[in-house]
Amino acid sequence: MTDDAPATTTSALQAIRGPVAAVHTPFDEAGCLATEVIPAYAAHLRDSGVGAVYVCGSTGESLALSVAERRAILEAWMSIAGEDLRVVAHVGSNALPDSLELARHADSLGVDWISAMNPTFGRAADVEALIGHHAQIADAGGGRPYLIYEISAFGGVAFPASEVVAASLGRVPGFAGLKFTSSDLIQLQLSLEMAAEHDLRIFFGSDEQLLAGLVLGCTSAIGSTYGYAPEPAQTVFAAFLRGDLDAARIAQRRIARLVVPLLRHGVLRTGRTLLECAGVPIGPPRSPERRLDPAERALVLTELAPLGIRGLGPGERTAC
């Protein structure tokens, strides 16, 4: 990594506005990695106007993957990325040595940002212990811009996000902000206040509450629905920026209606089905998750049909 790489990549990601796709990991029918799907996946995102990807996060089933698989996935994305498709590499793991290896690997590939969720096994006694953990990962990443992935729903230890931000300043090399996937809007506000003061970014991570995040001050978001149905979110962003709150609310309700069947049938496996319907042969989820059965798939598609989402309408489904 060159000495000016962190500043360059920070500038590139600071410029990102709008939805960032948390991407799924492609598997074949035997459950093996299918990296050959990634160029078509990237083409789909580019065609949809999505300019950045978050690789091997929770949507990417990172904790169900081996280190070798995660390296191969990131290499595949980096081989087709460019100025029009930026890459955030999630390297979080319950095993710190794995995170360190993945962070070094991500740095060697020249990713734009590195990110890690809190461990979901093992309990940090306090914020200082947690930040010490992230500091080691960020240091292994060579000081590249580093996002802490705040997602308490995954069962790991969590502390108030604003305390995490405050403790990270000056301690986590390259600390650049949070991927904030939480419904705690008090902590979002406090984190955004510090982000403005210290030139950090808070990427909002709750698709179904996107407009609330924008109103409070977020300017970009990372989410799974943006990989197969970004248009409603893009409409929310555009309407909000021009000050048309009525249009923003209408578009936000489309996202809410999109998310309802995801929550009912399982966000991961339903999202993969919708991505296949949009034309990307992403394959089944990793065991023990399973595909939607035909009856479940029909129910989901019938429920979503009235939303008029590009690629998911009855006449547009290419592989469903």
C-alpha atoms as a PDB file:
ATOM      1  CA  MET A   1       0.000   0.000   0.000  1.00  0.00           C
ATOM      2  CA  THR A   2       1.389   3.416  -0.871  1.00  0.00           C
ATOM      3  CA  ASP A   3       1.704   6.096   1.803  1.00  0.00           C
ATOM      4  CA  ASP A   4      -1.096   8.174   0.276  1.00  0.00           C
ATOM      5  CA  ALA A   5      -3.532   5.284  -0.202  1.00  0.00           C
ATOM      6  CA  PRO A   6      -5.568   5.880   2.976  1.00  0.00           C
ATOM      7  CA  ALA A   7      -6.148   9.548   2.127  1.00  0.00           C
ATOM      8  CA  THR A   8      -7.047   8.676  -1.458  1.00  0.00           C
ATOM      9  CA  THR A   9      -9.553   6.025  -0.484  1.00  0.00           C
ATOM     10  CA  THR A  10     -11.024   8.167   2.274  1.00  0.00           C
ATOM     11  CA  SER A  11     -11.690  10.877  -0.280  1.00  0.00           C
ATOM     12  CA  ALA A  12     -13.273   8.377  -2.681  1.00  0.00           C
ATOM     13  CA  LEU A  13     -15.652   6.984  -0.090  1.00  0.00           C
ATOM     14  CA  GLN A  14     -16.448  10.379   1.411  1.00  0.00           C
ATOM     15  CA  ALA A  15     -17.833  11.263  -2.015  1.00  0.00           C
ATOM     16  CA  ILE A  16     -20.283   8.340  -2.059  1.00  0.00           C
ATOM     17  CA  ARG A  17     -23.904   9.323  -1.646  1.00  0.00           C
ATOM     18  CA  GLY A  18     -26.934   7.081  -1.825  1.00  0.00           C
ATOM     19  CA  PRO A  19     -27.356   3.329  -1.365  1.00  0.00           C
ATOM     20  CA  VAL A  20     -24.406   0.911  -1.145  1.00  0.00           C
ATOM     21  CA  ALA A  21     -25.211  -2.741  -1.821  1.00  0.00           C
ATOM     22  CA  ALA A  22     -24.397  -5.311   0.847  1.00  0.00           C
ATOM     23  CA  VAL A  23     -23.773  -8.153  -1.583  1.00  0.00           C
ATOM     24  CA  HIS A  24     -24.660 -11.831  -1.349  1.00  0.00           C
ATOM     25  CA  THR A  25     -22.068 -14.569  -1.808  1.00  0.00           C
ATOM     26  CA  PRO A  26     -22.702 -16.782  -4.859  1.00  0.00           C
ATOM     27  CA  PHE A  27     -22.863 -20.559  -4.408  1.00  0.00           C
ATOM     28  CA  ASP A  28     -23.539 -23.394  -6.816  1.00  0.00           C
ATOM     29  CA  GLU A  29     -26.172 -26.075  -6.188  1.00  0.00           C
ATOM     30  CA  ALA A  30     -23.641 -28.156  -4.231  1.00  0.00           C
ATOM     31  CA  GLY A  31     -22.982 -25.250  -1.866  1.00  0.00           C
ATOM     32  CA  CYS A  32     -19.544 -24.460  -3.271  1.00  0.00           C
ATOM     33  CA  LEU A  33     -18.328 -20.946  -3.988  1.00  0.00           C
ATOM     34  CA  ALA A  34     -19.261 -19.696  -7.480  1.00  0.00           C
ATOM     35  CA  THR A  35     -17.094 -16.612  -8.023  1.00  0.00           C
ATOM     36  CA  GLU A  36     -17.744 -16.788 -11.774  1.00  0.00           C
ATOM     37  CA  VAL A  37     -21.136 -15.183 -11.058  1.00  0.00           C
ATOM     38  CA  ILE A  38     -19.588 -11.994  -9.676  1.00  0.00           C
ATOM     39  CA  PRO A  39     -18.944 -10.211 -13.026  1.00  0.00           C
ATOM     40  CA  ALA A  40     -22.645 -10.546 -13.914  1.00  0.00           C
ATOM     41  CA  TYR A  41     -23.553  -9.414 -10.402  1.00  0.00           C
ATOM     42  CA  ALA A  42     -21.358  -6.337 -10.781  1.00  0.00           C
ATOM     43  CA  ALA A  43     -22.872  -5.586 -14.191  1.00  0.00           C
ATOM     44  CA  HIS A  44     -26.345  -5.767 -12.642  1.00  0.00           C
ATOM     45  CA  LEU A  45     -25.344  -3.288  -9.934  1.00  0.00           C
ATOM     46  CA  ARG A  46     -23.745  -0.896 -12.385  1.00  0.00           C
ATOM     47  CA  ASP A  47     -26.843  -1.048 -14.581  1.00  0.00           C
ATOM     48  CA  SER A  48     -28.935  -0.285 -11.485  1.00  0.00           C
ATOM     49  CA  GLY A  49     -26.875   2.792 -10.617  1.00  0.00           C
ATOM     50  CA  VAL A  50     -25.203   1.324  -7.530  1.00  0.00           C
ATOM     51  CA  GLY A  51     -21.658   2.619  -7.117  1.00  0.00           C
ATOM     52  CA  ALA A  52     -20.259   0.688  -4.161  1.00  0.00           C
ATOM     53  CA  VAL A  53     -20.436  -2.753  -2.564  1.00  0.00           C
ATOM     54  CA  TYR A  54     -19.992  -4.080   0.966  1.00  0.00           C
ATOM     55  CA  VAL A  55     -18.434  -7.526   0.544  1.00  0.00           C
ATOM     56  CA  CYS A  56     -18.681 -10.513   2.916  1.00  0.00           C
ATOM     57  CA  GLY A  57     -20.787  -8.832   5.567  1.00  0.00           C
ATOM     58  CA  SER A  58     -23.821 -10.400   7.210  1.00  0.00           C
ATOM     59  CA  THR A  59     -25.660 -10.470   3.860  1.00  0.00           C
ATOM     60  CA  GLY A  60     -22.587 -12.149   2.392  1.00  0.00           C
ATOM     61  CA  GLU A  61     -22.788 -14.901   5.070  1.00  0.00           C
ATOM     62  CA  SER A  62     -19.251 -14.118   6.182  1.00  0.00           C
ATOM     63  CA  LEU A  63     -19.350 -16.136   9.388  1.00  0.00           C
ATOM     64  CA  ALA A  64     -20.356 -19.243   7.402  1.00  0.00           C
ATOM     65  CA  LEU A  65     -17.334 -18.918   5.088  1.00  0.00           C
ATOM     66  CA  SER A  66     -13.751 -20.080   5.404  1.00  0.00           C
ATOM     67  CA  VAL A  67     -10.898 -17.587   5.261  1.00  0.00           C
ATOM     68  CA  ALA A  68      -9.884 -19.003   1.872  1.00  0.00           C
ATOM     69  CA  GLU A  69     -13.417 -18.467   0.541  1.00  0.00           C
ATOM     70  CA  ARG A  70     -13.531 -14.902   1.818  1.00  0.00           C
ATOM     71  CA  ARG A  71     -10.193 -14.143   0.192  1.00  0.00           C
ATOM     72  CA  ALA A  72     -11.402 -15.583  -3.114  1.00  0.00           C
ATOM     73  CA  ILE A  73     -14.639 -13.577  -3.007  1.00  0.00           C
ATOM     74  CA  LEU A  74     -12.853 -10.311  -2.342  1.00  0.00           C
ATOM     75  CA  GLU A  75     -10.310 -11.020  -5.075  1.00  0.00           C
ATOM     76  CA  ALA A  76     -13.154 -11.628  -7.535  1.00  0.00           C
ATOM     77  CA  TRP A  77     -14.841  -8.326  -6.658  1.00  0.00           C
ATOM     78  CA  MET A  78     -11.571  -6.403  -6.819  1.00  0.00           C
ATOM     79  CA  SER A  79     -10.777  -7.879 -10.232  1.00  0.00           C
ATOM     80  CA  ILE A  80     -13.826  -6.166 -11.758  1.00  0.00           C
ATOM     81  CA  ALA A  81     -14.070  -3.071  -9.532  1.00  0.00           C
ATOM     82  CA  GLY A  82     -13.020   0.335 -10.741  1.00  0.00           C
ATOM     83  CA  GLU A  83     -13.701   4.025 -10.329  1.00  0.00           C
ATOM     84  CA  ASP A  84     -17.408   3.340 -10.834  1.00  0.00           C
ATOM     85  CA  LEU A  85     -17.646   0.498  -8.306  1.00  0.00           C
ATOM     86  CA  ARG A  86     -15.972   0.965  -4.952  1.00  0.00           C
ATOM     87  CA  VAL A  87     -15.363  -1.894  -2.529  1.00  0.00           C
ATOM     88  CA  VAL A  88     -15.714  -2.075   1.248  1.00  0.00           C
ATOM     89  CA  ALA A  89     -14.244  -5.325   2.581  1.00  0.00           C
ATOM     90  CA  HIS A  90     -15.792  -6.776   5.718  1.00  0.00           C
ATOM     91  CA  VAL A  91     -13.142  -8.761   7.599  1.00  0.00           C
ATOM     92  CA  GLY A  92     -14.890  -9.358  10.928  1.00  0.00           C
ATOM     93  CA  SER A  93     -14.730 -12.820  12.464  1.00  0.00           C
ATOM     94  CA  ASN A  94     -15.112 -14.472  15.830  1.00  0.00           C
ATOM     95  CA  ALA A  95     -11.458 -15.539  15.473  1.00  0.00           C
ATOM     96  CA  LEU A  96      -9.163 -12.525  15.725  1.00  0.00           C
ATOM     97  CA  PRO A  97      -6.327 -14.225  13.775  1.00  0.00           C
ATOM     98  CA  ASP A  98      -8.728 -14.701  10.851  1.00  0.00           C
ATOM     99  CA  SER A  99      -9.712 -11.022  10.949  1.00  0.00           C
ATOM    100  CA  LEU A 100      -6.053  -9.992  10.981  1.00  0.00           C
ATOM    101  CA  GLU A 101      -5.282 -12.196   7.994  1.00  0.00           C
ATOM    102  CA  LEU A 102      -8.313 -10.915   6.089  1.00  0.00           C
ATOM    103  CA  ALA A 103      -7.446  -7.296   6.875  1.00  0.00           C
ATOM    104  CA  ARG A 104      -3.888  -7.743   5.598  1.00  0.00           C
ATOM    105  CA  HIS A 105      -5.255  -9.406   2.482  1.00  0.00           C
ATOM    106  CA  ALA A 106      -7.792  -6.606   1.878  1.00  0.00           C
ATOM    107  CA  ASP A 107      -5.056  -4.019   2.246  1.00  0.00           C
ATOM    108  CA  SER A 108      -2.829  -5.866  -0.233  1.00  0.00           C
ATOM    109  CA  LEU A 109      -5.640  -5.771  -2.806  1.00  0.00           C
ATOM    110  CA  GLY A 110      -6.133  -2.033  -2.409  1.00  0.00           C
ATOM    111  CA  VAL A 111      -9.745  -2.000  -1.204  1.00  0.00           C
ATOM    112  CA  ASP A 112     -11.327   1.365  -0.544  1.00  0.00           C
ATOM    113  CA  TRP A 113     -12.410   0.704   3.035  1.00  0.00           C
ATOM    114  CA  ILE A 114     -12.110  -2.099   5.582  1.00  0.00           C
ATOM    115  CA  SER A 115     -14.868  -2.929   8.061  1.00  0.00           C
ATOM    116  CA  ALA A 116     -15.529  -5.393  10.870  1.00  0.00           C
ATOM    117  CA  MET A 117     -18.475  -6.250  13.075  1.00  0.00           C
ATOM    118  CA  ASN A 118     -18.067  -6.902  16.767  1.00  0.00           C
ATOM    119  CA  PRO A 119     -17.427 -10.574  17.617  1.00  0.00           C
ATOM    120  CA  THR A 120     -20.628 -12.527  18.137  1.00  0.00           C
ATOM    121  CA  PHE A 121     -18.885 -14.954  20.517  1.00  0.00           C
ATOM    122  CA  GLY A 122     -16.965 -13.716  23.517  1.00  0.00           C
ATOM    123  CA  ARG A 123     -17.747 -10.660  25.587  1.00  0.00           C
ATOM    124  CA  ALA A 124     -15.680  -7.501  25.796  1.00  0.00           C
ATOM    125  CA  ALA A 125     -15.848  -6.249  29.373  1.00  0.00           C
ATOM    126  CA  ASP A 126     -16.069  -2.605  28.362  1.00  0.00           C
ATOM    127  CA  VAL A 127     -15.793  -0.233  25.416  1.00  0.00           C
ATOM    128  CA  GLU A 128     -12.029   0.019  25.811  1.00  0.00           C
ATOM    129  CA  ALA A 129     -11.621  -3.740  25.355  1.00  0.00           C
ATOM    130  CA  LEU A 130     -13.833  -3.708  22.288  1.00  0.00           C
ATOM    131  CA  ILE A 131     -11.949  -0.813  20.725  1.00  0.00           C
ATOM    132  CA  GLY A 132      -8.659  -2.552  21.445  1.00  0.00           C
ATOM    133  CA  HIS A 133      -9.960  -5.481  19.409  1.00  0.00           C
ATOM    134  CA  HIS A 134     -10.894  -3.257  16.466  1.00  0.00           C
ATOM    135  CA  ALA A 135      -7.607  -1.383  16.710  1.00  0.00           C
ATOM    136  CA  GLN A 136      -5.676  -4.595  16.069  1.00  0.00           C
ATOM    137  CA  ILE A 137      -7.750  -5.363  12.968  1.00  0.00           C
ATOM    138  CA  ALA A 138      -7.460  -1.825  11.636  1.00  0.00           C
ATOM    139  CA  ASP A 139      -3.714  -1.846  12.187  1.00  0.00           C
ATOM    140  CA  ALA A 140      -3.423  -5.108  10.215  1.00  0.00           C
ATOM    141  CA  GLY A 141      -5.318  -3.303   7.444  1.00  0.00           C
ATOM    142  CA  GLY A 142      -2.482  -0.833   7.087  1.00  0.00           C
ATOM    143  CA  GLY A 143      -4.437   2.164   8.270  1.00  0.00           C
ATOM    144  CA  ARG A 144      -6.961   2.033   5.446  1.00  0.00           C
ATOM    145  CA  PRO A 145     -10.234   3.780   6.268  1.00  0.00           C
ATOM    146  CA  TYR A 146     -11.957   1.577   8.825  1.00  0.00           C
ATOM    147  CA  LEU A 147     -15.668   1.217   9.581  1.00  0.00           C
ATOM    148  CA  ILE A 148     -16.911  -0.457  12.740  1.00  0.00           C
ATOM    149  CA  TYR A 149     -20.041  -2.459  11.911  1.00  0.00           C
ATOM    150  CA  GLU A 150     -22.594  -1.822  14.637  1.00  0.00           C
ATOM    151  CA  ILE A 151     -25.228  -4.607  14.522  1.00  0.00           C
ATOM    152  CA  SER A 152     -26.286  -5.666  18.009  1.00  0.00           C
ATOM    153  CA  ALA A 153     -29.033  -7.917  16.606  1.00  0.00           C
ATOM    154  CA  PHE A 154     -26.343 -10.454  15.687  1.00  0.00           C
ATOM    155  CA  GLY A 155     -25.907 -11.302  19.336  1.00  0.00           C
ATOM    156  CA  GLY A 156     -22.449  -9.906  19.936  1.00  0.00           C
ATOM    157  CA  VAL A 157     -21.556  -7.490  22.700  1.00  0.00           C
ATOM    158  CA  ALA A 158     -22.687  -3.958  21.955  1.00  0.00           C
ATOM    159  CA  PHE A 159     -22.165  -0.632  23.675  1.00  0.00           C
ATOM    160  CA  PRO A 160     -23.782   2.722  22.878  1.00  0.00           C
ATOM    161  CA  ALA A 161     -22.627   3.677  19.399  1.00  0.00           C
ATOM    162  CA  SER A 162     -21.634   7.195  20.420  1.00  0.00           C
ATOM    163  CA  GLU A 163     -19.333   5.750  23.091  1.00  0.00           C
ATOM    164  CA  VAL A 164     -17.779   3.473  20.479  1.00  0.00           C
ATOM    165  CA  VAL A 165     -17.140   6.448  18.189  1.00  0.00           C
ATOM    166  CA  ALA A 166     -15.643   8.539  20.992  1.00  0.00           C
ATOM    167  CA  ALA A 167     -13.368   5.710  22.154  1.00  0.00           C
ATOM    168  CA  SER A 168     -12.210   4.961  18.596  1.00  0.00           C
ATOM    169  CA  LEU A 169     -10.886   8.455  17.954  1.00  0.00           C
ATOM    170  CA  GLY A 170      -7.107   8.359  18.056  1.00  0.00           C
ATOM    171  CA  ARG A 171      -7.053   4.659  18.910  1.00  0.00           C
ATOM    172  CA  VAL A 172      -8.317   2.796  15.842  1.00  0.00           C
ATOM    173  CA  PRO A 173      -5.940   3.359  12.912  1.00  0.00           C
ATOM    174  CA  GLY A 174      -7.775   4.890   9.967  1.00  0.00           C
ATOM    175  CA  PHE A 175     -11.050   5.111  11.916  1.00  0.00           C
ATOM    176  CA  ALA A 176     -13.596   6.526   9.494  1.00  0.00           C
ATOM    177  CA  GLY A 177     -16.993   5.872  11.105  1.00  0.00           C
ATOM    178  CA  LEU A 178     -19.723   3.286  11.487  1.00  0.00           C
ATOM    179  CA  LYS A 179     -22.005   1.022   9.546  1.00  0.00           C
ATOM    180  CA  PHE A 180     -24.958   1.668  11.845  1.00  0.00           C
ATOM    181  CA  THR A 181     -27.560  -1.131  11.746  1.00  0.00           C
ATOM    182  CA  SER A 182     -29.688  -0.332  14.742  1.00  0.00           C
ATOM    183  CA  SER A 183     -33.050   1.192  15.591  1.00  0.00           C
ATOM    184  CA  ASP A 184     -31.519   3.323  18.369  1.00  0.00           C
ATOM    185  CA  LEU A 185     -32.004   6.741  16.818  1.00  0.00           C
ATOM    186  CA  ILE A 186     -30.759   8.516  19.931  1.00  0.00           C
ATOM    187  CA  GLN A 187     -27.350   6.919  19.466  1.00  0.00           C
ATOM    188  CA  LEU A 188     -27.495   7.651  15.745  1.00  0.00           C
ATOM    189  CA  GLN A 189     -27.965  11.353  16.465  1.00  0.00           C
ATOM    190  CA  LEU A 190     -25.107  11.456  18.961  1.00  0.00           C
ATOM    191  CA  SER A 191     -22.843   9.541  16.570  1.00  0.00           C
ATOM    192  CA  LEU A 192     -23.705  11.867  13.689  1.00  0.00           C
ATOM    193  CA  GLU A 193     -22.844  14.872  15.845  1.00  0.00           C
ATOM    194  CA  MET A 194     -19.350  13.498  16.442  1.00  0.00           C
ATOM    195  CA  ALA A 195     -19.047  12.414  12.817  1.00  0.00           C
ATOM    196  CA  ALA A 196     -19.593  15.987  11.667  1.00  0.00           C
ATOM    197  CA  GLU A 197     -16.972  17.249  14.100  1.00  0.00           C
ATOM    198  CA  HIS A 198     -14.333  14.668  13.151  1.00  0.00           C
ATOM    199  CA  ASP A 199     -15.007  14.163   9.420  1.00  0.00           C
ATOM    200  CA  LEU A 200     -16.382  10.642   9.848  1.00  0.00           C
ATOM    201  CA  ARG A 201     -19.129   8.809   7.961  1.00  0.00           C
ATOM    202  CA  ILE A 202     -22.139   7.052   9.430  1.00  0.00           C
ATOM    203  CA  PHE A 203     -23.625   4.646   6.884  1.00  0.00           C
ATOM    204  CA  PHE A 204     -27.232   3.911   7.818  1.00  0.00           C
ATOM    205  CA  GLY A 205     -27.947   0.182   7.807  1.00  0.00           C
ATOM    206  CA  SER A 206     -31.690  -0.178   8.308  1.00  0.00           C
ATOM    207  CA  ASP A 207     -33.311  -0.150   4.859  1.00  0.00           C
ATOM    208  CA  GLU A 208     -36.843  -0.045   6.259  1.00  0.00           C
ATOM    209  CA  GLN A 209     -36.005   3.148   8.210  1.00  0.00           C
ATOM    210  CA  LEU A 210     -33.873   4.860   5.572  1.00  0.00           C
ATOM    211  CA  LEU A 211     -35.758   8.149   5.491  1.00  0.00           C
ATOM    212  CA  ALA A 212     -35.381   8.526   9.269  1.00  0.00           C
ATOM    213  CA  GLY A 213     -31.634   8.135   8.840  1.00  0.00           C
ATOM    214  CA  LEU A 214     -31.535  10.821   6.145  1.00  0.00           C
ATOM    215  CA  VAL A 215     -33.621  13.241   8.191  1.00  0.00           C
ATOM    216  CA  LEU A 216     -31.209  12.840  11.108  1.00  0.00           C
ATOM    217  CA  GLY A 217     -28.175  13.513   8.915  1.00  0.00           C
ATOM    218  CA  CYS A 218     -26.934  10.370   7.142  1.00  0.00           C
ATOM    219  CA  THR A 219     -25.968  10.860   3.507  1.00  0.00           C
ATOM    220  CA  SER A 220     -25.411   7.240   2.511  1.00  0.00           C
ATOM    221  CA  ALA A 221     -26.606   3.788   3.475  1.00  0.00           C
ATOM    222  CA  ILE A 222     -25.504   0.167   3.253  1.00  0.00           C
ATOM    223  CA  GLY A 223     -28.175  -2.500   2.895  1.00  0.00           C
ATOM    224  CA  SER A 224     -29.102  -5.814   1.355  1.00  0.00           C
ATOM    225  CA  THR A 225     -32.180  -4.653  -0.587  1.00  0.00           C
ATOM    226  CA  TYR A 226     -30.035  -2.185  -2.532  1.00  0.00           C
ATOM    227  CA  GLY A 227     -28.430  -5.141  -4.312  1.00  0.00           C
ATOM    228  CA  TYR A 228     -31.623  -6.306  -6.002  1.00  0.00           C
ATOM    229  CA  ALA A 229     -34.133  -3.463  -5.511  1.00  0.00           C
ATOM    230  CA  PRO A 230     -32.233  -0.161  -5.235  1.00  0.00           C
ATOM    231  CA  GLU A 231     -34.792   1.980  -7.068  1.00  0.00           C
ATOM    232  CA  PRO A 232     -37.100   2.757  -4.109  1.00  0.00           C
ATOM    233  CA  ALA A 233     -34.101   3.792  -1.999  1.00  0.00           C
ATOM    234  CA  GLN A 234     -32.679   5.886  -4.834  1.00  0.00           C
ATOM    235  CA  THR A 235     -36.078   7.583  -5.051  1.00  0.00           C
ATOM    236  CA  VAL A 236     -36.027   8.280  -1.297  1.00  0.00           C
ATOM    237  CA  PHE A 237     -32.592   9.885  -1.605  1.00  0.00           C
ATOM    238  CA  ALA A 238     -33.533  11.975  -4.652  1.00  0.00           C
ATOM    239  CA  ALA A 239     -36.828  13.183  -3.176  1.00  0.00           C
ATOM    240  CA  PHE A 240     -35.215  14.036   0.154  1.00  0.00           C
ATOM    241  CA  LEU A 241     -32.412  16.003  -1.519  1.00  0.00           C
ATOM    242  CA  ARG A 242     -34.884  18.141  -3.458  1.00  0.00           C
ATOM    243  CA  GLY A 243     -36.957  18.702  -0.337  1.00  0.00           C
ATOM    244  CA  ASP A 244     -39.993  16.686  -1.447  1.00  0.00           C
ATOM    245  CA  LEU A 245     -40.828  14.872   1.775  1.00  0.00           C
ATOM    246  CA  ASP A 246     -44.177  13.612   0.496  1.00  0.00           C
ATOM    247  CA  ALA A 247     -42.470  11.775  -2.373  1.00  0.00           C
ATOM    248  CA  ALA A 248     -39.747  10.538  -0.004  1.00  0.00           C
ATOM    249  CA  ARG A 249     -42.354   9.110   2.357  1.00  0.00           C
ATOM    250  CA  ILE A 250     -44.194   7.347  -0.469  1.00  0.00           C
ATOM    251  CA  ALA A 251     -40.938   5.750  -1.660  1.00  0.00           C
ATOM    252  CA  GLN A 252     -40.003   4.804   1.903  1.00  0.00           C
ATOM    253  CA  ARG A 253     -43.295   2.983   2.321  1.00  0.00           C
ATOM    254  CA  ARG A 254     -42.436   0.943  -0.788  1.00  0.00           C
ATOM    255  CA  ILE A 255     -39.233  -0.148   0.957  1.00  0.00           C
ATOM    256  CA  ALA A 256     -41.225  -1.032   4.069  1.00  0.00           C
ATOM    257  CA  ARG A 257     -43.602  -3.165   2.022  1.00  0.00           C
ATOM    258  CA  LEU A 258     -40.615  -4.813   0.344  1.00  0.00           C
ATOM    259  CA  VAL A 259     -39.081  -5.677   3.714  1.00  0.00           C
ATOM    260  CA  VAL A 260     -42.255  -7.168   5.253  1.00  0.00           C
ATOM    261  CA  PRO A 261     -42.077 -10.498   3.337  1.00  0.00           C
ATOM    262  CA  LEU A 262     -38.307 -10.592   3.880  1.00  0.00           C
ATOM    263  CA  LEU A 263     -38.862 -10.559   7.618  1.00  0.00           C
ATOM    264  CA  ARG A 264     -41.629 -13.134   7.323  1.00  0.00           C
ATOM    265  CA  HIS A 265     -39.727 -15.671   5.225  1.00  0.00           C
ATOM    266  CA  GLY A 266     -36.129 -14.857   6.176  1.00  0.00           C
ATOM    267  CA  VAL A 267     -34.120 -11.867   4.972  1.00  0.00           C
ATOM    268  CA  LEU A 268     -31.159 -13.847   3.652  1.00  0.00           C
ATOM    269  CA  ARG A 269     -32.912 -16.548   1.669  1.00  0.00           C
ATOM    270  CA  THR A 270     -35.707 -14.283   0.413  1.00  0.00           C
ATOM    271  CA  GLY A 271     -33.179 -11.704  -0.739  1.00  0.00           C
ATOM    272  CA  ARG A 272     -31.285 -14.351  -2.676  1.00  0.00           C
ATOM    273  CA  THR A 273     -34.510 -15.398  -4.387  1.00  0.00           C
ATOM    274  CA  LEU A 274     -35.252 -11.808  -5.395  1.00  0.00           C
ATOM    275  CA  LEU A 275     -31.729 -11.366  -6.711  1.00  0.00           C
ATOM    276  CA  GLU A 276     -32.209 -14.439  -8.903  1.00  0.00           C
ATOM    277  CA  CYS A 277     -35.520 -12.988 -10.100  1.00  0.00           C
ATOM    278  CA  ALA A 278     -33.629  -9.831 -11.053  1.00  0.00           C
ATOM    279  CA  GLY A 279     -31.324 -11.931 -13.233  1.00  0.00           C
ATOM    280  CA  VAL A 280     -28.296 -12.775 -11.075  1.00  0.00           C
ATOM    281  CA  PRO A 281     -27.886 -16.581 -10.574  1.00  0.00           C
ATOM    282  CA  ILE A 282     -26.687 -16.269  -6.987  1.00  0.00           C
ATOM    283  CA  GLY A 283     -27.647 -19.847  -6.027  1.00  0.00           C
ATOM    284  CA  PRO A 284     -28.904 -21.188  -2.684  1.00  0.00           C
ATOM    285  CA  PRO A 285     -27.740 -19.924   0.708  1.00  0.00           C
ATOM    286  CA  ARG A 286     -25.197 -21.886   2.669  1.00  0.00           C
ATOM    287  CA  SER A 287     -26.446 -24.721   4.860  1.00  0.00           C
ATOM    288  CA  PRO A 288     -28.352 -24.839   7.172  1.00  0.00           C
ATOM    289  CA  GLU A 289     -30.244 -22.006   5.440  1.00  0.00           C
ATOM    290  CA  ARG A 290     -32.320 -23.103   2.459  1.00  0.00           C
ATOM    291  CA  ARG A 291     -33.976 -21.602  -0.575  1.00  0.00           C
ATOM    292  CA  LEU A 292     -37.589 -20.528  -0.500  1.00  0.00           C
ATOM    293  CA  ASP A 293     -39.798 -23.380  -1.642  1.00  0.00           C
ATOM    294  CA  PRO A 294     -42.046 -22.759  -4.694  1.00  0.00           C
ATOM    295  CA  ALA A 295     -45.081 -21.885  -2.562  1.00  0.00           C
ATOM    296  CA  GLU A 296     -43.118 -19.382  -0.463  1.00  0.00           C
ATOM    297  CA  ARG A 297     -41.563 -17.837  -3.576  1.00  0.00           C
ATOM    298  CA  ALA A 298     -44.983 -17.408  -5.188  1.00  0.00           C
ATOM    299  CA  LEU A 299     -46.368 -15.734  -2.075  1.00  0.00           C
ATOM    300  CA  VAL A 300     -43.459 -13.282  -1.909  1.00  0.00           C
ATOM    301  CA  LEU A 301     -43.636 -12.360  -5.583  1.00  0.00           C
ATOM    302  CA  THR A 302     -47.399 -11.885  -5.454  1.00  0.00           C
ATOM    303  CA  GLU A 303     -47.024  -9.585  -2.458  1.00  0.00           C
ATOM    304  CA  LEU A 304     -44.296  -7.533  -4.128  1.00  0.00           C
ATOM    305  CA  ALA A 305     -45.844  -7.267  -7.589  1.00  0.00           C
ATOM    306  CA  PRO A 306     -47.898  -4.107  -6.819  1.00  0.00           C
ATOM    307  CA  LEU A 307     -44.756  -2.211  -5.770  1.00  0.00           C
ATOM    308  CA  GLY A 308     -43.546  -1.876  -9.356  1.00  0.00           C
ATOM    309  CA  ILE A 309     -39.905  -2.479  -8.475  1.00  0.00           C
ATOM    310  CA  ARG A 310     -37.643  -2.726 -11.497  1.00  0.00           C
ATOM    311  CA  GLY A 311     -36.655  -6.311 -12.250  1.00  0.00           C
ATOM    312  CA  LEU A 312     -39.240  -7.813  -9.912  1.00  0.00           C
ATOM    313  CA  GLY A 313     -42.425  -7.129 -11.860  1.00  0.00           C
ATOM    314  CA  PRO A 314     -44.332 -10.124 -13.302  1.00  0.00           C
ATOM    315  CA  GLY A 315     -43.146  -9.404 -16.846  1.00  0.00           C
ATOM    316  CA  GLU A 316     -39.540  -8.681 -15.881  1.00  0.00           C
ATOM    317  CA  ARG A 317     -38.453 -11.721 -13.896  1.00  0.00           C
ATOM    318  CA  THR A 318     -35.694 -13.343 -15.887  1.00  0.00           C
ATOM    319  CA  ALA A 319     -34.755 -16.350 -13.773  1.00  0.00           C
ATOM    320  CA  CYS A 320     -37.500 -16.859 -11.244  1.00  0.00           C
END
